[in-house]
Amino acid sequence: MRLSSGQHRTSLSGGLVLERLLAFVNVFTDSSNVREVSVTLGGLSNVEELYETGESRVSIVSAANIEEIRDFVNGKVRKIPGIKSAVTYIVLDDHKCLRNGSGRLTSQ
């Protein structure tokens, strides 16, 4: 079965496969709170991956739908102390995806 654009499969125990929408959330922080913001972001359930790019944290977020992403960003991410702003990019399609069926990164 082909997934809709921007969706990926996440395998759970028991063979259940969920189709999830992906988004990149670019978070800009105060320089004094960098570590605390990273730890807090990394602990949120929707955050699948988290990277530091120098001035910001970029997280790959998954959700069941666009409303869940909106609620996650507005209700959780933007309320973390030390975050100045957050910009969200919804994944519309993937052209070179390094994820396998288990959701883990693989080399191509």
N, C-alpha and C. Protein backbone atom coordinates (compact mmCIF):
# COMPACT_ATOMS: atom_id res chain seq x y z
N MET A 1 0.83 -1.18 0.00
CA MET A 1 0.00 0.00 0.00
C MET A 1 0.88 1.24 0.00
N ARG A 2 0.64 2.15 -0.92
CA ARG A 2 1.41 3.39 -1.01
C ARG A 2 0.87 4.38 0.02
N LEU A 3 1.78 5.01 0.73
CA LEU A 3 1.39 6.02 1.70
C LEU A 3 1.11 7.34 1.01
N SER A 4 0.29 8.14 1.61
CA SER A 4 0.06 9.49 1.11
C SER A 4 1.34 10.29 1.22
N SER A 5 1.47 11.34 0.42
CA SER A 5 2.65 12.18 0.49
C SER A 5 2.85 12.69 1.91
N GLY A 6 4.11 12.65 2.35
CA GLY A 6 4.45 13.17 3.66
C GLY A 6 4.21 12.20 4.80
N GLN A 7 3.69 11.01 4.53
CA GLN A 7 3.46 10.05 5.59
C GLN A 7 4.56 9.01 5.59
N HIS A 8 4.80 8.42 6.74
CA HIS A 8 5.74 7.31 6.82
C HIS A 8 5.16 6.26 7.76
N ARG A 9 5.74 5.09 7.72
CA ARG A 9 5.28 3.99 8.56
C ARG A 9 6.12 3.92 9.82
N THR A 10 5.47 3.66 10.92
CA THR A 10 6.14 3.40 12.18
C THR A 10 5.68 2.05 12.66
N SER A 11 6.60 1.10 12.84
CA SER A 11 6.24 -0.23 13.29
C SER A 11 6.25 -0.28 14.80
N LEU A 12 5.23 -0.89 15.36
CA LEU A 12 5.13 -1.08 16.79
C LEU A 12 5.22 -2.56 17.10
N SER A 13 5.37 -2.90 18.37
CA SER A 13 5.42 -4.31 18.73
C SER A 13 4.12 -4.98 18.32
N GLY A 14 4.19 -6.24 17.98
CA GLY A 14 3.02 -6.97 17.54
C GLY A 14 2.74 -6.80 16.06
N GLY A 15 3.60 -6.09 15.33
CA GLY A 15 3.45 -5.95 13.90
C GLY A 15 2.50 -4.85 13.46
N LEU A 16 1.93 -4.09 14.40
CA LEU A 16 1.03 -3.00 14.05
C LEU A 16 1.84 -1.89 13.39
N VAL A 17 1.34 -1.38 12.26
CA VAL A 17 2.03 -0.31 11.53
C VAL A 17 1.13 0.92 11.50
N LEU A 18 1.67 2.04 11.93
CA LEU A 18 0.93 3.30 11.91
C LEU A 18 1.43 4.16 10.78
N GLU A 19 0.54 4.89 10.14
CA GLU A 19 0.93 5.86 9.13
C GLU A 19 0.87 7.23 9.77
N ARG A 20 1.96 7.97 9.73
CA ARG A 20 2.07 9.23 10.44
C ARG A 20 2.50 10.34 9.48
N LEU A 21 2.05 11.54 9.76
CA LEU A 21 2.46 12.73 9.04
C LEU A 21 3.76 13.23 9.65
N LEU A 22 4.70 13.68 8.83
CA LEU A 22 5.98 14.19 9.31
C LEU A 22 6.06 15.70 9.14
N ALA A 23 6.79 16.33 10.06
CA ALA A 23 7.07 17.76 9.96
C ALA A 23 8.45 18.02 10.54
N PHE A 24 9.11 19.04 10.00
CA PHE A 24 10.35 19.54 10.57
C PHE A 24 9.99 20.77 11.38
N VAL A 25 10.42 20.82 12.63
CA VAL A 25 10.16 21.98 13.47
C VAL A 25 11.51 22.59 13.82
N ASN A 26 11.74 23.80 13.35
CA ASN A 26 12.98 24.52 13.59
C ASN A 26 12.74 25.47 14.76
N VAL A 27 13.44 25.24 15.86
CA VAL A 27 13.22 25.97 17.10
C VAL A 27 14.43 26.86 17.38
N PHE A 28 14.17 28.16 17.57
CA PHE A 28 15.22 29.11 17.91
C PHE A 28 15.15 29.40 19.40
N THR A 29 16.32 29.39 20.06
CA THR A 29 16.37 29.49 21.51
C THR A 29 17.22 30.67 21.97
N ASP A 30 17.00 31.04 23.24
CA ASP A 30 17.92 31.96 23.92
C ASP A 30 19.22 31.21 24.13
N SER A 31 20.34 31.89 23.99
CA SER A 31 21.63 31.21 24.11
C SER A 31 21.85 30.65 25.52
N SER A 32 21.19 31.20 26.53
CA SER A 32 21.40 30.74 27.90
C SER A 32 20.63 29.46 28.22
N ASN A 33 19.68 29.08 27.38
CA ASN A 33 18.82 27.93 27.68
C ASN A 33 18.99 26.78 26.68
N VAL A 34 20.06 26.75 25.94
CA VAL A 34 20.22 25.77 24.86
C VAL A 34 20.11 24.34 25.38
N ARG A 35 20.82 23.99 26.39
CA ARG A 35 20.83 22.61 26.91
C ARG A 35 19.45 22.21 27.43
N GLU A 36 18.83 23.08 28.22
CA GLU A 36 17.53 22.78 28.80
C GLU A 36 16.46 22.57 27.71
N VAL A 37 16.50 23.43 26.69
CA VAL A 37 15.53 23.30 25.59
C VAL A 37 15.75 21.97 24.86
N SER A 38 16.99 21.61 24.60
CA SER A 38 17.28 20.35 23.91
C SER A 38 16.79 19.15 24.70
N VAL A 39 17.03 19.15 25.99
CA VAL A 39 16.60 18.03 26.83
C VAL A 39 15.07 17.95 26.86
N THR A 40 14.41 19.09 27.01
CA THR A 40 12.94 19.10 27.05
C THR A 40 12.35 18.66 25.71
N LEU A 41 12.85 19.20 24.60
CA LEU A 41 12.36 18.81 23.27
C LEU A 41 12.56 17.31 23.04
N GLY A 42 13.73 16.82 23.38
CA GLY A 42 14.04 15.41 23.16
C GLY A 42 13.15 14.47 23.96
N GLY A 43 12.56 14.97 25.04
CA GLY A 43 11.69 14.15 25.86
C GLY A 43 10.23 14.13 25.43
N LEU A 44 9.87 14.94 24.44
CA LEU A 44 8.49 15.00 23.98
C LEU A 44 8.18 13.81 23.06
N SER A 45 7.01 13.23 23.24
CA SER A 45 6.68 11.98 22.55
C SER A 45 6.59 12.11 21.03
N ASN A 46 6.20 13.24 20.51
CA ASN A 46 6.08 13.40 19.05
C ASN A 46 7.43 13.61 18.37
N VAL A 47 8.47 13.94 19.12
CA VAL A 47 9.79 14.21 18.54
C VAL A 47 10.49 12.88 18.28
N GLU A 48 10.72 12.59 17.00
CA GLU A 48 11.40 11.35 16.62
C GLU A 48 12.91 11.52 16.53
N GLU A 49 13.35 12.69 16.08
CA GLU A 49 14.77 12.99 15.96
C GLU A 49 14.98 14.44 16.33
N LEU A 50 16.19 14.77 16.83
CA LEU A 50 16.49 16.14 17.23
C LEU A 50 17.94 16.44 16.88
N TYR A 51 18.16 17.56 16.19
CA TYR A 51 19.49 17.95 15.75
C TYR A 51 19.77 19.38 16.17
N GLU A 52 21.05 19.67 16.44
CA GLU A 52 21.48 21.03 16.73
C GLU A 52 22.17 21.57 15.49
N THR A 53 21.80 22.78 15.08
CA THR A 53 22.40 23.37 13.88
C THR A 53 23.19 24.63 14.22
N GLY A 54 23.48 24.85 15.47
CA GLY A 54 24.20 26.05 15.88
C GLY A 54 23.26 27.03 16.54
N GLU A 55 22.49 27.74 15.74
CA GLU A 55 21.55 28.72 16.28
C GLU A 55 20.20 28.13 16.64
N SER A 56 19.93 26.91 16.20
CA SER A 56 18.60 26.37 16.42
C SER A 56 18.65 24.87 16.67
N ARG A 57 17.51 24.33 17.04
CA ARG A 57 17.30 22.90 17.15
C ARG A 57 16.30 22.54 16.06
N VAL A 58 16.58 21.49 15.32
CA VAL A 58 15.66 21.03 14.29
C VAL A 58 15.18 19.65 14.71
N SER A 59 13.87 19.51 14.85
CA SER A 59 13.32 18.22 15.22
C SER A 59 12.46 17.68 14.10
N ILE A 60 12.45 16.37 13.98
CA ILE A 60 11.54 15.71 13.07
C ILE A 60 10.41 15.19 13.95
N VAL A 61 9.21 15.64 13.64
CA VAL A 61 8.04 15.38 14.46
C VAL A 61 7.07 14.53 13.66
N SER A 62 6.42 13.58 14.32
CA SER A 62 5.37 12.81 13.65
C SER A 62 4.06 12.99 14.40
N ALA A 63 2.98 12.89 13.65
CA ALA A 63 1.64 13.02 14.22
C ALA A 63 0.64 12.32 13.32
N ALA A 64 -0.53 12.07 13.85
CA ALA A 64 -1.57 11.39 13.08
C ALA A 64 -2.13 12.29 11.99
N ASN A 65 -2.11 13.62 12.22
CA ASN A 65 -2.71 14.55 11.26
C ASN A 65 -2.19 15.96 11.51
N ILE A 66 -2.58 16.88 10.67
CA ILE A 66 -2.10 18.26 10.75
C ILE A 66 -2.55 18.94 12.05
N GLU A 67 -3.74 18.59 12.52
CA GLU A 67 -4.23 19.19 13.76
C GLU A 67 -3.36 18.79 14.95
N GLU A 68 -2.91 17.54 14.97
CA GLU A 68 -2.04 17.09 16.05
C GLU A 68 -0.69 17.81 16.00
N ILE A 69 -0.17 18.04 14.81
CA ILE A 69 1.09 18.79 14.70
C ILE A 69 0.89 20.22 15.20
N ARG A 70 -0.20 20.86 14.76
CA ARG A 70 -0.49 22.23 15.21
C ARG A 70 -0.62 22.29 16.73
N ASP A 71 -1.38 21.38 17.32
CA ASP A 71 -1.55 21.36 18.77
C ASP A 71 -0.24 21.08 19.49
N PHE A 72 0.59 20.21 18.92
CA PHE A 72 1.88 19.89 19.51
C PHE A 72 2.79 21.11 19.52
N VAL A 73 2.90 21.79 18.37
CA VAL A 73 3.79 22.95 18.27
C VAL A 73 3.29 24.10 19.15
N ASN A 74 2.00 24.42 19.04
CA ASN A 74 1.46 25.55 19.80
C ASN A 74 1.27 25.24 21.28
N GLY A 75 0.89 24.01 21.60
CA GLY A 75 0.59 23.67 22.98
C GLY A 75 1.75 23.18 23.80
N LYS A 76 2.79 22.67 23.15
CA LYS A 76 3.94 22.14 23.90
C LYS A 76 5.23 22.85 23.56
N VAL A 77 5.61 22.85 22.28
CA VAL A 77 6.92 23.37 21.87
C VAL A 77 7.06 24.85 22.20
N ARG A 78 6.10 25.66 21.79
CA ARG A 78 6.21 27.10 22.00
C ARG A 78 6.11 27.52 23.45
N LYS A 79 5.70 26.62 24.32
CA LYS A 79 5.58 26.93 25.75
C LYS A 79 6.83 26.56 26.55
N ILE A 80 7.82 25.97 25.89
CA ILE A 80 9.06 25.60 26.59
C ILE A 80 9.84 26.88 26.89
N PRO A 81 10.23 27.09 28.16
CA PRO A 81 11.02 28.28 28.50
C PRO A 81 12.32 28.32 27.71
N GLY A 82 12.64 29.49 27.17
CA GLY A 82 13.87 29.68 26.41
C GLY A 82 13.68 29.63 24.91
N ILE A 83 12.50 29.24 24.44
CA ILE A 83 12.25 29.23 23.01
C ILE A 83 11.77 30.60 22.57
N LYS A 84 12.49 31.16 21.59
CA LYS A 84 12.11 32.47 21.05
C LYS A 84 11.08 32.33 19.95
N SER A 85 11.25 31.34 19.08
CA SER A 85 10.30 31.13 17.99
C SER A 85 10.44 29.71 17.46
N ALA A 86 9.42 29.28 16.72
CA ALA A 86 9.42 27.97 16.10
C ALA A 86 8.80 28.09 14.72
N VAL A 87 9.44 27.46 13.74
CA VAL A 87 8.94 27.45 12.37
C VAL A 87 8.72 25.99 11.99
N THR A 88 7.54 25.69 11.46
CA THR A 88 7.17 24.31 11.14
C THR A 88 7.05 24.13 9.64
N TYR A 89 7.65 23.05 9.14
CA TYR A 89 7.59 22.69 7.73
C TYR A 89 6.96 21.31 7.64
N ILE A 90 5.80 21.20 7.02
CA ILE A 90 5.13 19.92 6.83
C ILE A 90 5.78 19.20 5.65
N VAL A 91 6.10 17.91 5.82
CA VAL A 91 6.67 17.12 4.74
C VAL A 91 5.54 16.77 3.77
N LEU A 92 5.67 17.23 2.53
CA LEU A 92 4.66 16.96 1.51
C LEU A 92 4.92 15.67 0.75
N ASP A 93 6.21 15.36 0.55
CA ASP A 93 6.57 14.15 -0.18
C ASP A 93 8.02 13.84 0.15
N ASP A 94 8.40 12.59 0.02
CA ASP A 94 9.81 12.25 0.20
C ASP A 94 10.36 11.71 -1.11
N HIS A 95 11.56 12.15 -1.43
CA HIS A 95 12.21 11.75 -2.67
C HIS A 95 13.40 10.84 -2.42
N LYS A 96 14.00 10.98 -1.26
CA LYS A 96 15.10 10.11 -0.86
C LYS A 96 15.00 9.96 0.65
N CYS A 97 14.38 8.91 1.04
CA CYS A 97 14.10 8.69 2.45
C CYS A 97 15.06 7.63 2.99
N LEU A 98 15.67 7.92 4.11
CA LEU A 98 16.62 6.98 4.70
C LEU A 98 15.97 6.10 5.76
N ARG A 99 14.66 6.15 5.87
CA ARG A 99 13.97 5.32 6.86
C ARG A 99 13.54 4.01 6.23
N ASN A 100 13.70 2.93 6.98
CA ASN A 100 13.14 1.67 6.51
C ASN A 100 11.78 1.48 7.16
N GLY A 101 11.16 0.34 6.99
CA GLY A 101 9.83 0.10 7.51
C GLY A 101 9.72 0.20 9.02
N SER A 102 10.83 0.05 9.73
CA SER A 102 10.78 0.12 11.19
C SER A 102 10.90 1.56 11.69
N GLY A 103 11.07 2.52 10.77
CA GLY A 103 11.24 3.89 11.21
C GLY A 103 12.67 4.24 11.54
N ARG A 104 13.58 3.28 11.43
CA ARG A 104 14.99 3.53 11.74
C ARG A 104 15.72 4.02 10.49
N LEU A 105 16.75 4.82 10.70
CA LEU A 105 17.53 5.29 9.58
C LEU A 105 18.36 4.16 9.00
N THR A 106 18.45 4.12 7.69
CA THR A 106 19.25 3.11 7.02
C THR A 106 20.10 3.81 5.95
N SER A 107 21.19 3.17 5.58
CA SER A 107 22.03 3.74 4.52
C SER A 107 21.53 3.24 3.18
N GLN A 108 21.72 4.06 2.15
CA GLN A 108 21.30 3.66 0.80
C GLN A 108 22.50 3.50 -0.07
